[in-house]
Amino acid sequence: MKAKNIILRGLYQSLGLAAYCILVVVIMSNLPKLFTSNPGVTNNLLQGFMFLIIFIVSALITGSIALAYPISLAFRKNIKEAAFIVLSMVLWSILFFIIALVTAIIIYKP
């Protein structure tokens, strides 16, 4: 695979992870609204259960987004290419984190 394709594959995987993280944050921030009739009263048992289920499912989904294709390549003896795809995804994710951090600092500056 060409270097450009490896970089794009890492970008797409990183974008998928970022989109999934945003989805999970939206769901988790709305859990109290979904499971209570009184906004001030929460069901701690149900919220704890939902948090753990979301955590476990998130680990499975993010693991498959990040590692399914590189593991497939590794089984086909393309270990170097698989490692470069994972490295590309990690670097794109770090870049997205820095962008999000700078954006948050600018928006929420006291």
PDB file of N, CA and C in Angstrom:
ATOM      1  N   MET A   1       0.852  -1.178   0.000  1.00  0.00           N
ATOM      2  CA  MET A   1       0.000   0.000   0.000  1.00  0.00           C
ATOM      3  C   MET A   1       0.895   1.239   0.000  1.00  0.00           C
ATOM      4  N   LYS A   2       0.486   2.237  -0.730  1.00  0.00           N
ATOM      5  CA  LYS A   2       1.261   3.476  -0.824  1.00  0.00           C
ATOM      6  C   LYS A   2       1.168   4.263   0.486  1.00  0.00           C
ATOM      7  N   ALA A   3       2.156   5.115   0.695  1.00  0.00           N
ATOM      8  CA  ALA A   3       2.191   5.917   1.925  1.00  0.00           C
ATOM      9  C   ALA A   3       0.962   6.808   2.033  1.00  0.00           C
ATOM     10  N   LYS A   4       0.503   7.355   0.899  1.00  0.00           N
ATOM     11  CA  LYS A   4      -0.680   8.214   0.924  1.00  0.00           C
ATOM     12  C   LYS A   4      -1.909   7.424   1.373  1.00  0.00           C
ATOM     13  N   ASN A   5      -2.054   6.201   0.910  1.00  0.00           N
ATOM     14  CA  ASN A   5      -3.189   5.369   1.305  1.00  0.00           C
ATOM     15  C   ASN A   5      -3.137   5.004   2.787  1.00  0.00           C
ATOM     16  N   ILE A   6      -1.927   4.769   3.290  1.00  0.00           N
ATOM     17  CA  ILE A   6      -1.775   4.452   4.718  1.00  0.00           C
ATOM     18  C   ILE A   6      -2.181   5.659   5.563  1.00  0.00           C
ATOM     19  N   ILE A   7      -1.745   6.836   5.165  1.00  0.00           N
ATOM     20  CA  ILE A   7      -2.088   8.056   5.910  1.00  0.00           C
ATOM     21  C   ILE A   7      -3.589   8.304   5.856  1.00  0.00           C
ATOM     22  N   LEU A   8      -4.192   8.110   4.683  1.00  0.00           N
ATOM     23  CA  LEU A   8      -5.648   8.291   4.569  1.00  0.00           C
ATOM     24  C   LEU A   8      -6.406   7.250   5.371  1.00  0.00           C
ATOM     25  N   ARG A   9      -5.938   6.011   5.380  1.00  0.00           N
ATOM     26  CA  ARG A   9      -6.593   4.964   6.174  1.00  0.00           C
ATOM     27  C   ARG A   9      -6.545   5.333   7.648  1.00  0.00           C
ATOM     28  N   GLY A  10      -5.404   5.829   8.117  1.00  0.00           N
ATOM     29  CA  GLY A  10      -5.302   6.277   9.510  1.00  0.00           C
ATOM     30  C   GLY A  10      -6.217   7.449   9.798  1.00  0.00           C
ATOM     31  N   LEU A  11      -6.332   8.368   8.834  1.00  0.00           N
ATOM     32  CA  LEU A  11      -7.239   9.508   8.997  1.00  0.00           C
ATOM     33  C   LEU A  11      -8.678   9.046   9.112  1.00  0.00           C
ATOM     34  N   TYR A  12      -9.103   8.139   8.239  1.00  0.00           N
ATOM     35  CA  TYR A  12     -10.485   7.661   8.267  1.00  0.00           C
ATOM     36  C   TYR A  12     -10.790   6.922   9.569  1.00  0.00           C
ATOM     37  N   GLN A  13      -9.861   6.108  10.020  1.00  0.00           N
ATOM     38  CA  GLN A  13     -10.070   5.398  11.281  1.00  0.00           C
ATOM     39  C   GLN A  13     -10.138   6.376  12.452  1.00  0.00           C
ATOM     40  N   SER A  14      -9.290   7.373  12.435  1.00  0.00           N
ATOM     41  CA  SER A  14      -9.288   8.372  13.504  1.00  0.00           C
ATOM     42  C   SER A  14     -10.568   9.205  13.485  1.00  0.00           C
ATOM     43  N   LEU A  15     -11.048   9.553  12.291  1.00  0.00           N
ATOM     44  CA  LEU A  15     -12.325  10.269  12.188  1.00  0.00           C
ATOM     45  C   LEU A  15     -13.481   9.416  12.706  1.00  0.00           C
ATOM     46  N   GLY A  16     -13.439   8.130  12.409  1.00  0.00           N
ATOM     47  CA  GLY A  16     -14.469   7.219  12.936  1.00  0.00           C
ATOM     48  C   GLY A  16     -14.447   7.163  14.445  1.00  0.00           C
ATOM     49  N   LEU A  17     -13.251   7.119  15.024  1.00  0.00           N
ATOM     50  CA  LEU A  17     -13.137   7.111  16.485  1.00  0.00           C
ATOM     51  C   LEU A  17     -13.635   8.420  17.088  1.00  0.00           C
ATOM     52  N   ALA A  18     -13.276   9.536  16.464  1.00  0.00           N
ATOM     53  CA  ALA A  18     -13.720  10.834  16.977  1.00  0.00           C
ATOM     54  C   ALA A  18     -15.243  10.950  16.903  1.00  0.00           C
ATOM     55  N   ALA A  19     -15.829  10.526  15.792  1.00  0.00           N
ATOM     56  CA  ALA A  19     -17.295  10.582  15.657  1.00  0.00           C
ATOM     57  C   ALA A  19     -17.965   9.692  16.688  1.00  0.00           C
ATOM     58  N   TYR A  20     -17.411   8.509  16.920  1.00  0.00           N
ATOM     59  CA  TYR A  20     -18.000   7.615  17.910  1.00  0.00           C
ATOM     60  C   TYR A  20     -17.867   8.199  19.313  1.00  0.00           C
ATOM     61  N   CYS A  21     -16.744   8.817  19.619  1.00  0.00           N
ATOM     62  CA  CYS A  21     -16.570   9.440  20.941  1.00  0.00           C
ATOM     63  C   CYS A  21     -17.585  10.558  21.159  1.00  0.00           C
ATOM     64  N   ILE A  22     -17.821  11.359  20.126  1.00  0.00           N
ATOM     65  CA  ILE A  22     -18.821  12.427  20.238  1.00  0.00           C
ATOM     66  C   ILE A  22     -20.196  11.832  20.486  1.00  0.00           C
ATOM     67  N   LEU A  23     -20.532  10.765  19.785  1.00  0.00           N
ATOM     68  CA  LEU A  23     -21.827  10.107  19.982  1.00  0.00           C
ATOM     69  C   LEU A  23     -21.981   9.592  21.411  1.00  0.00           C
ATOM     70  N   VAL A  24     -20.944   8.967  21.946  1.00  0.00           N
ATOM     71  CA  VAL A  24     -21.007   8.439  23.316  1.00  0.00           C
ATOM     72  C   VAL A  24     -21.143   9.571  24.327  1.00  0.00           C
ATOM     73  N   VAL A  25     -20.446  10.671  24.128  1.00  0.00           N
ATOM     74  CA  VAL A  25     -20.553  11.811  25.045  1.00  0.00           C
ATOM     75  C   VAL A  25     -21.962  12.387  25.024  1.00  0.00           C
ATOM     76  N   VAL A  26     -22.555  12.493  23.845  1.00  0.00           N
ATOM     77  CA  VAL A  26     -23.927  13.008  23.753  1.00  0.00           C
ATOM     78  C   VAL A  26     -24.898  12.074  24.480  1.00  0.00           C
ATOM     79  N   ILE A  27     -24.733  10.780  24.287  1.00  0.00           N
ATOM     80  CA  ILE A  27     -25.612   9.816  24.965  1.00  0.00           C
ATOM     81  C   ILE A  27     -25.427   9.890  26.473  1.00  0.00           C
ATOM     82  N   MET A  28     -24.169   9.894  26.930  1.00  0.00           N
ATOM     83  CA  MET A  28     -23.924   9.895  28.375  1.00  0.00           C
ATOM     84  C   MET A  28     -24.360  11.199  29.034  1.00  0.00           C
ATOM     85  N   SER A  29     -24.250  12.306  28.318  1.00  0.00           N
ATOM     86  CA  SER A  29     -24.673  13.567  28.927  1.00  0.00           C
ATOM     87  C   SER A  29     -26.189  13.673  29.003  1.00  0.00           C
ATOM     88  N   ASN A  30     -26.898  12.883  28.231  1.00  0.00           N
ATOM     89  CA  ASN A  30     -28.359  12.911  28.261  1.00  0.00           C
ATOM     90  C   ASN A  30     -28.975  11.763  29.041  1.00  0.00           C
ATOM     91  N   LEU A  31     -28.175  10.894  29.661  1.00  0.00           N
ATOM     92  CA  LEU A  31     -28.725   9.779  30.423  1.00  0.00           C
ATOM     93  C   LEU A  31     -29.661  10.220  31.546  1.00  0.00           C
ATOM     94  N   PRO A  32     -29.310  11.217  32.348  1.00  0.00           N
ATOM     95  CA  PRO A  32     -30.244  11.609  33.405  1.00  0.00           C
ATOM     96  C   PRO A  32     -31.592  12.091  32.859  1.00  0.00           C
ATOM     97  N   LYS A  33     -31.591  12.746  31.715  1.00  0.00           N
ATOM     98  CA  LYS A  33     -32.836  13.216  31.118  1.00  0.00           C
ATOM     99  C   LYS A  33     -33.679  12.062  30.593  1.00  0.00           C
ATOM    100  N   LEU A  34     -33.015  11.015  30.143  1.00  0.00           N
ATOM    101  CA  LEU A  34     -33.740   9.892  29.555  1.00  0.00           C
ATOM    102  C   LEU A  34     -34.405   9.002  30.597  1.00  0.00           C
ATOM    103  N   PHE A  35     -33.806   8.886  31.781  1.00  0.00           N
ATOM    104  CA  PHE A  35     -34.268   7.896  32.740  1.00  0.00           C
ATOM    105  C   PHE A  35     -34.919   8.464  33.991  1.00  0.00           C
ATOM    106  N   THR A  36     -35.206   9.743  34.014  1.00  0.00           N
ATOM    107  CA  THR A  36     -35.892  10.304  35.176  1.00  0.00           C
ATOM    108  C   THR A  36     -37.012  11.214  34.725  1.00  0.00           C
ATOM    109  N   SER A  37     -38.076  11.210  35.494  1.00  0.00           N
ATOM    110  CA  SER A  37     -39.152  12.153  35.210  1.00  0.00           C
ATOM    111  C   SER A  37     -38.874  13.493  35.880  1.00  0.00           C
ATOM    112  N   ASN A  38     -38.129  13.467  36.992  1.00  0.00           N
ATOM    113  CA  ASN A  38     -37.707  14.685  37.668  1.00  0.00           C
ATOM    114  C   ASN A  38     -36.234  14.914  37.345  1.00  0.00           C
ATOM    115  N   PRO A  39     -35.879  16.013  36.688  1.00  0.00           N
ATOM    116  CA  PRO A  39     -34.485  16.236  36.303  1.00  0.00           C
ATOM    117  C   PRO A  39     -33.506  16.252  37.467  1.00  0.00           C
ATOM    118  N   GLY A  40     -33.937  16.607  38.656  1.00  0.00           N
ATOM    119  CA  GLY A  40     -33.040  16.662  39.798  1.00  0.00           C
ATOM    120  C   GLY A  40     -32.824  15.321  40.467  1.00  0.00           C
ATOM    121  N   VAL A  41     -33.683  14.338  40.202  1.00  0.00           N
ATOM    122  CA  VAL A  41     -33.609  13.032  40.838  1.00  0.00           C
ATOM    123  C   VAL A  41     -33.079  12.025  39.816  1.00  0.00           C
ATOM    124  N   THR A  42     -32.058  11.273  40.204  1.00  0.00           N
ATOM    125  CA  THR A  42     -31.493  10.283  39.289  1.00  0.00           C
ATOM    126  C   THR A  42     -31.549   8.901  39.912  1.00  0.00           C
ATOM    127  N   ASN A  43     -31.583   7.899  39.065  1.00  0.00           N
ATOM    128  CA  ASN A  43     -31.527   6.519  39.510  1.00  0.00           C
ATOM    129  C   ASN A  43     -30.092   6.057  39.368  1.00  0.00           C
ATOM    130  N   ASN A  44     -29.343   6.042  40.468  1.00  0.00           N
ATOM    131  CA  ASN A  44     -27.918   5.745  40.419  1.00  0.00           C
ATOM    132  C   ASN A  44     -27.620   4.340  39.921  1.00  0.00           C
ATOM    133  N   LEU A  45     -28.456   3.374  40.275  1.00  0.00           N
ATOM    134  CA  LEU A  45     -28.231   2.007  39.836  1.00  0.00           C
ATOM    135  C   LEU A  45     -28.355   1.901  38.318  1.00  0.00           C
ATOM    136  N   LEU A  46     -29.391   2.485  37.776  1.00  0.00           N
ATOM    137  CA  LEU A  46     -29.595   2.435  36.335  1.00  0.00           C
ATOM    138  C   LEU A  46     -28.509   3.212  35.597  1.00  0.00           C
ATOM    139  N   GLN A  47     -28.135   4.350  36.127  1.00  0.00           N
ATOM    140  CA  GLN A  47     -27.071   5.127  35.483  1.00  0.00           C
ATOM    141  C   GLN A  47     -25.735   4.386  35.538  1.00  0.00           C
ATOM    142  N   GLY A  48     -25.435   3.760  36.654  1.00  0.00           N
ATOM    143  CA  GLY A  48     -24.198   2.989  36.759  1.00  0.00           C
ATOM    144  C   GLY A  48     -24.184   1.820  35.783  1.00  0.00           C
ATOM    145  N   PHE A  49     -25.314   1.133  35.688  1.00  0.00           N
ATOM    146  CA  PHE A  49     -25.428   0.014  34.751  1.00  0.00           C
ATOM    147  C   PHE A  49     -25.246   0.491  33.313  1.00  0.00           C
ATOM    148  N   MET A  50     -25.921   1.575  32.964  1.00  0.00           N
ATOM    149  CA  MET A  50     -25.816   2.099  31.598  1.00  0.00           C
ATOM    150  C   MET A  50     -24.382   2.562  31.305  1.00  0.00           C
ATOM    151  N   PHE A  51     -23.737   3.171  32.284  1.00  0.00           N
ATOM    152  CA  PHE A  51     -22.353   3.605  32.085  1.00  0.00           C
ATOM    153  C   PHE A  51     -21.452   2.411  31.789  1.00  0.00           C
ATOM    154  N   LEU A  52     -21.583   1.334  32.566  1.00  0.00           N
ATOM    155  CA  LEU A  52     -20.732   0.168  32.342  1.00  0.00           C
ATOM    156  C   LEU A  52     -21.021  -0.503  31.005  1.00  0.00           C
ATOM    157  N   ILE A  53     -22.284  -0.583  30.629  1.00  0.00           N
ATOM    158  CA  ILE A  53     -22.635  -1.175  29.336  1.00  0.00           C
ATOM    159  C   ILE A  53     -22.055  -0.328  28.204  1.00  0.00           C
ATOM    160  N   ILE A  54     -22.221   0.988  28.297  1.00  0.00           N
ATOM    161  CA  ILE A  54     -21.663   1.861  27.263  1.00  0.00           C
ATOM    162  C   ILE A  54     -20.139   1.744  27.231  1.00  0.00           C
ATOM    163  N   PHE A  55     -19.504   1.643  28.386  1.00  0.00           N
ATOM    164  CA  PHE A  55     -18.055   1.507  28.463  1.00  0.00           C
ATOM    165  C   PHE A  55     -17.581   0.227  27.768  1.00  0.00           C
ATOM    166  N   ILE A  56     -18.240  -0.882  28.046  1.00  0.00           N
ATOM    167  CA  ILE A  56     -17.845  -2.165  27.464  1.00  0.00           C
ATOM    168  C   ILE A  56     -18.090  -2.183  25.962  1.00  0.00           C
ATOM    169  N   VAL A  57     -19.260  -1.720  25.547  1.00  0.00           N
ATOM    170  CA  VAL A  57     -19.565  -1.689  24.116  1.00  0.00           C
ATOM    171  C   VAL A  57     -18.629  -0.720  23.394  1.00  0.00           C
ATOM    172  N   SER A  58     -18.302   0.385  24.036  1.00  0.00           N
ATOM    173  CA  SER A  58     -17.376   1.343  23.433  1.00  0.00           C
ATOM    174  C   SER A  58     -15.993   0.737  23.240  1.00  0.00           C
ATOM    175  N   ALA A  59     -15.532  -0.032  24.212  1.00  0.00           N
ATOM    176  CA  ALA A  59     -14.231  -0.690  24.068  1.00  0.00           C
ATOM    177  C   ALA A  59     -14.240  -1.647  22.877  1.00  0.00           C
ATOM    178  N   LEU A  60     -15.329  -2.377  22.723  1.00  0.00           N
ATOM    179  CA  LEU A  60     -15.428  -3.301  21.586  1.00  0.00           C
ATOM    180  C   LEU A  60     -15.481  -2.555  20.253  1.00  0.00           C
ATOM    181  N   ILE A  61     -16.282  -1.511  20.187  1.00  0.00           N
ATOM    182  CA  ILE A  61     -16.438  -0.768  18.931  1.00  0.00           C
ATOM    183  C   ILE A  61     -15.158  -0.026  18.569  1.00  0.00           C
ATOM    184  N   THR A  62     -14.563   0.665  19.527  1.00  0.00           N
ATOM    185  CA  THR A  62     -13.339   1.404  19.206  1.00  0.00           C
ATOM    186  C   THR A  62     -12.181   0.451  18.885  1.00  0.00           C
ATOM    187  N   GLY A  63     -12.140  -0.678  19.557  1.00  0.00           N
ATOM    188  CA  GLY A  63     -11.123  -1.671  19.226  1.00  0.00           C
ATOM    189  C   GLY A  63     -11.277  -2.189  17.812  1.00  0.00           C
ATOM    190  N   SER A  64     -12.510  -2.413  17.401  1.00  0.00           N
ATOM    191  CA  SER A  64     -12.714  -2.901  16.035  1.00  0.00           C
ATOM    192  C   SER A  64     -12.447  -1.807  15.005  1.00  0.00           C
ATOM    193  N   ILE A  65     -12.810  -0.560  15.304  1.00  0.00           N
ATOM    194  CA  ILE A  65     -12.515   0.535  14.377  1.00  0.00           C
ATOM    195  C   ILE A  65     -11.004   0.701  14.223  1.00  0.00           C
ATOM    196  N   ALA A  66     -10.304   0.662  15.338  1.00  0.00           N
ATOM    197  CA  ALA A  66      -8.875   0.956  15.308  1.00  0.00           C
ATOM    198  C   ALA A  66      -8.023  -0.226  14.865  1.00  0.00           C
ATOM    199  N   LEU A  67      -8.430  -1.448  15.183  1.00  0.00           N
ATOM    200  CA  LEU A  67      -7.514  -2.566  15.005  1.00  0.00           C
ATOM    201  C   LEU A  67      -7.973  -3.649  14.038  1.00  0.00           C
ATOM    202  N   ALA A  68      -9.197  -3.623  13.564  1.00  0.00           N
ATOM    203  CA  ALA A  68      -9.681  -4.713  12.713  1.00  0.00           C
ATOM    204  C   ALA A  68      -8.854  -4.841  11.433  1.00  0.00           C
ATOM    205  N   TYR A  69      -8.695  -3.762  10.715  1.00  0.00           N
ATOM    206  CA  TYR A  69      -7.938  -3.830   9.462  1.00  0.00           C
ATOM    207  C   TYR A  69      -6.452  -4.097   9.685  1.00  0.00           C
ATOM    208  N   PRO A  70      -5.796  -3.432  10.644  1.00  0.00           N
ATOM    209  CA  PRO A  70      -4.382  -3.770  10.885  1.00  0.00           C
ATOM    210  C   PRO A  70      -4.175  -5.229  11.309  1.00  0.00           C
ATOM    211  N   ILE A  71      -5.081  -5.782  12.096  1.00  0.00           N
ATOM    212  CA  ILE A  71      -4.950  -7.198  12.480  1.00  0.00           C
ATOM    213  C   ILE A  71      -5.128  -8.087  11.264  1.00  0.00           C
ATOM    214  N   SER A  72      -6.067  -7.721  10.400  1.00  0.00           N
ATOM    215  CA  SER A  72      -6.255  -8.467   9.155  1.00  0.00           C
ATOM    216  C   SER A  72      -4.980  -8.443   8.312  1.00  0.00           C
ATOM    217  N   LEU A  73      -4.343  -7.285   8.222  1.00  0.00           N
ATOM    218  CA  LEU A  73      -3.077  -7.191   7.493  1.00  0.00           C
ATOM    219  C   LEU A  73      -1.989  -8.020   8.157  1.00  0.00           C
ATOM    220  N   ALA A  74      -1.932  -8.002   9.461  1.00  0.00           N
ATOM    221  CA  ALA A  74      -0.902  -8.753  10.179  1.00  0.00           C
ATOM    222  C   ALA A  74      -1.062 -10.254   9.949  1.00  0.00           C
ATOM    223  N   PHE A  75      -2.292 -10.735   9.890  1.00  0.00           N
ATOM    224  CA  PHE A  75      -2.516 -12.150   9.606  1.00  0.00           C
ATOM    225  C   PHE A  75      -2.076 -12.514   8.189  1.00  0.00           C
ATOM    226  N   ARG A  76      -2.071 -11.538   7.289  1.00  0.00           N
ATOM    227  CA  ARG A  76      -1.604 -11.766   5.917  1.00  0.00           C
ATOM    228  C   ARG A  76      -0.116 -11.445   5.770  1.00  0.00           C
ATOM    229  N   LYS A  77       0.589 -11.356   6.897  1.00  0.00           N
ATOM    230  CA  LYS A  77       2.036 -11.127   6.947  1.00  0.00           C
ATOM    231  C   LYS A  77       2.462  -9.735   6.482  1.00  0.00           C
ATOM    232  N   ASN A  78       1.561  -8.771   6.526  1.00  0.00           N
ATOM    233  CA  ASN A  78       1.896  -7.376   6.215  1.00  0.00           C
ATOM    234  C   ASN A  78       2.033  -6.584   7.511  1.00  0.00           C
ATOM    235  N   ILE A  79       2.921  -7.027   8.361  1.00  0.00           N
ATOM    236  CA  ILE A  79       3.037  -6.464   9.706  1.00  0.00           C
ATOM    237  C   ILE A  79       3.526  -5.017   9.659  1.00  0.00           C
ATOM    238  N   LYS A  80       4.468  -4.723   8.777  1.00  0.00           N
ATOM    239  CA  LYS A  80       5.001  -3.358   8.690  1.00  0.00           C
ATOM    240  C   LYS A  80       3.898  -2.381   8.275  1.00  0.00           C
ATOM    241  N   GLU A  81       3.100  -2.768   7.283  1.00  0.00           N
ATOM    242  CA  GLU A  81       1.998  -1.916   6.832  1.00  0.00           C
ATOM    243  C   GLU A  81       0.955  -1.733   7.934  1.00  0.00           C
ATOM    244  N   ALA A  82       0.660  -2.806   8.652  1.00  0.00           N
ATOM    245  CA  ALA A  82      -0.300  -2.724   9.760  1.00  0.00           C
ATOM    246  C   ALA A  82       0.194  -1.767  10.836  1.00  0.00           C
ATOM    247  N   ALA A  83       1.474  -1.846  11.158  1.00  0.00           N
ATOM    248  CA  ALA A  83       2.040  -0.964  12.183  1.00  0.00           C
ATOM    249  C   ALA A  83       1.983   0.494  11.743  1.00  0.00           C
ATOM    250  N   PHE A  84       2.253   0.752  10.464  1.00  0.00           N
ATOM    251  CA  PHE A  84       2.198   2.130   9.973  1.00  0.00           C
ATOM    252  C   PHE A  84       0.765   2.671   9.982  1.00  0.00           C
ATOM    253  N   ILE A  85      -0.217   1.826   9.717  1.00  0.00           N
ATOM    254  CA  ILE A  85      -1.610   2.277   9.766  1.00  0.00           C
ATOM    255  C   ILE A  85      -1.992   2.636  11.201  1.00  0.00           C
ATOM    256  N   VAL A  86      -1.607   1.807  12.151  1.00  0.00           N
ATOM    257  CA  VAL A  86      -1.898   2.108  13.566  1.00  0.00           C
ATOM    258  C   VAL A  86      -1.173   3.390  13.983  1.00  0.00           C
ATOM    259  N   LEU A  87       0.079   3.542  13.587  1.00  0.00           N
ATOM    260  CA  LEU A  87       0.828   4.755  13.911  1.00  0.00           C
ATOM    261  C   LEU A  87       0.170   5.985  13.292  1.00  0.00           C
ATOM    262  N   SER A  88      -0.264   5.874  12.057  1.00  0.00           N
ATOM    263  CA  SER A  88      -0.945   6.990  11.400  1.00  0.00           C
ATOM    264  C   SER A  88      -2.227   7.364  12.137  1.00  0.00           C
ATOM    265  N   MET A  89      -2.988   6.345  12.548  1.00  0.00           N
ATOM    266  CA  MET A  89      -4.230   6.610  13.271  1.00  0.00           C
ATOM    267  C   MET A  89      -3.949   7.289  14.612  1.00  0.00           C
ATOM    268  N   VAL A  90      -2.922   6.838  15.301  1.00  0.00           N
ATOM    269  CA  VAL A  90      -2.564   7.441  16.588  1.00  0.00           C
ATOM    270  C   VAL A  90      -2.151   8.895  16.400  1.00  0.00           C
ATOM    271  N   LEU A  91      -1.344   9.161  15.385  1.00  0.00           N
ATOM    272  CA  LEU A  91      -0.911  10.542  15.149  1.00  0.00           C
ATOM    273  C   LEU A  91      -2.082  11.444  14.764  1.00  0.00           C
ATOM    274  N   TRP A  92      -2.994  10.960  13.920  1.00  0.00           N
ATOM    275  CA  TRP A  92      -4.188  11.749  13.586  1.00  0.00           C
ATOM    276  C   TRP A  92      -5.031  11.995  14.838  1.00  0.00           C
ATOM    277  N   SER A  93      -5.161  10.983  15.690  1.00  0.00           N
ATOM    278  CA  SER A  93      -5.951  11.145  16.917  1.00  0.00           C
ATOM    279  C   SER A  93      -5.329  12.174  17.849  1.00  0.00           C
ATOM    280  N   ILE A  94      -4.011  12.164  17.950  1.00  0.00           N
ATOM    281  CA  ILE A  94      -3.324  13.172  18.763  1.00  0.00           C
ATOM    282  C   ILE A  94      -3.571  14.564  18.191  1.00  0.00           C
ATOM    283  N   LEU A  95      -3.518  14.690  16.870  1.00  0.00           N
ATOM    284  CA  LEU A  95      -3.788  15.981  16.232  1.00  0.00           C
ATOM    285  C   LEU A  95      -5.219  16.445  16.529  1.00  0.00           C
ATOM    286  N   PHE A  96      -6.190  15.534  16.431  1.00  0.00           N
ATOM    287  CA  PHE A  96      -7.577  15.896  16.744  1.00  0.00           C
ATOM    288  C   PHE A  96      -7.722  16.314  18.201  1.00  0.00           C
ATOM    289  N   PHE A  97      -7.013  15.627  19.099  1.00  0.00           N
ATOM    290  CA  PHE A  97      -7.060  15.983  20.513  1.00  0.00           C
ATOM    291  C   PHE A  97      -6.511  17.391  20.733  1.00  0.00           C
ATOM    292  N   ILE A  98      -5.402  17.703  20.098  1.00  0.00           N
ATOM    293  CA  ILE A  98      -4.804  19.035  20.249  1.00  0.00           C
ATOM    294  C   ILE A  98      -5.751  20.102  19.700  1.00  0.00           C
ATOM    295  N   ILE A  99      -6.372  19.829  18.558  1.00  0.00           N
ATOM    296  CA  ILE A  99      -7.334  20.786  17.990  1.00  0.00           C
ATOM    297  C   ILE A  99      -8.505  20.991  18.938  1.00  0.00           C
ATOM    298  N   ALA A 100      -9.031  19.895  19.504  1.00  0.00           N
ATOM    299  CA  ALA A 100     -10.158  20.001  20.438  1.00  0.00           C
ATOM    300  C   ALA A 100      -9.750  20.758  21.702  1.00  0.00           C
ATOM    301  N   LEU A 101      -8.542  20.502  22.186  1.00  0.00           N
ATOM    302  CA  LEU A 101      -8.066  21.182  23.389  1.00  0.00           C
ATOM    303  C   LEU A 101      -7.900  22.679  23.160  1.00  0.00           C
ATOM    304  N   VAL A 102      -7.289  23.054  22.049  1.00  0.00           N
ATOM    305  CA  VAL A 102      -7.110  24.473  21.736  1.00  0.00           C
ATOM    306  C   VAL A 102      -8.470  25.146  21.545  1.00  0.00           C
ATOM    307  N   THR A 103      -9.388  24.465  20.862  1.00  0.00           N
ATOM    308  CA  THR A 103     -10.732  25.012  20.664  1.00  0.00           C
ATOM    309  C   THR A 103     -11.438  25.223  22.001  1.00  0.00           C
ATOM    310  N   ALA A 104     -11.333  24.238  22.895  1.00  0.00           N
ATOM    311  CA  ALA A 104     -11.964  24.369  24.211  1.00  0.00           C
ATOM    312  C   ALA A 104     -11.350  25.508  25.009  1.00  0.00           C
ATOM    313  N   ILE A 105     -10.053  25.676  24.925  1.00  0.00           N
ATOM    314  CA  ILE A 105      -9.387  26.756  25.651  1.00  0.00           C
ATOM    315  C   ILE A 105      -9.855  28.111  25.106  1.00  0.00           C
ATOM    316  N   ILE A 106      -9.971  28.210  23.790  1.00  0.00           N
ATOM    317  CA  ILE A 106     -10.411  29.476  23.192  1.00  0.00           C
ATOM    318  C   ILE A 106     -11.865  29.775  23.531  1.00  0.00           C
ATOM    319  N   ILE A 107     -12.715  28.766  23.439  1.00  0.00           N
ATOM    320  CA  ILE A 107     -14.162  28.993  23.670  1.00  0.00           C
ATOM    321  C   ILE A 107     -14.461  29.222  25.144  1.00  0.00           C
ATOM    322  N   TYR A 108     -13.859  28.442  26.026  1.00  0.00           N
ATOM    323  CA  TYR A 108     -14.209  28.509  27.448  1.00  0.00           C
ATOM    324  C   TYR A 108     -13.206  29.300  28.270  1.00  0.00           C
ATOM    325  N   LYS A 109     -12.484  30.191  27.641  1.00  0.00           N
ATOM    326  CA  LYS A 109     -11.526  31.025  28.356  1.00  0.00           C
ATOM    327  C   LYS A 109     -12.258  31.940  29.322  1.00  0.00           C
ATOM    328  N   PRO A 110     -11.866  31.907  30.618  1.00  0.00           N
ATOM    329  CA  PRO A 110     -12.583  32.756  31.585  1.00  0.00           C
ATOM    330  C   PRO A 110     -12.293  34.227  31.434  1.00  0.00           C
TER     331      PRO A 110
END
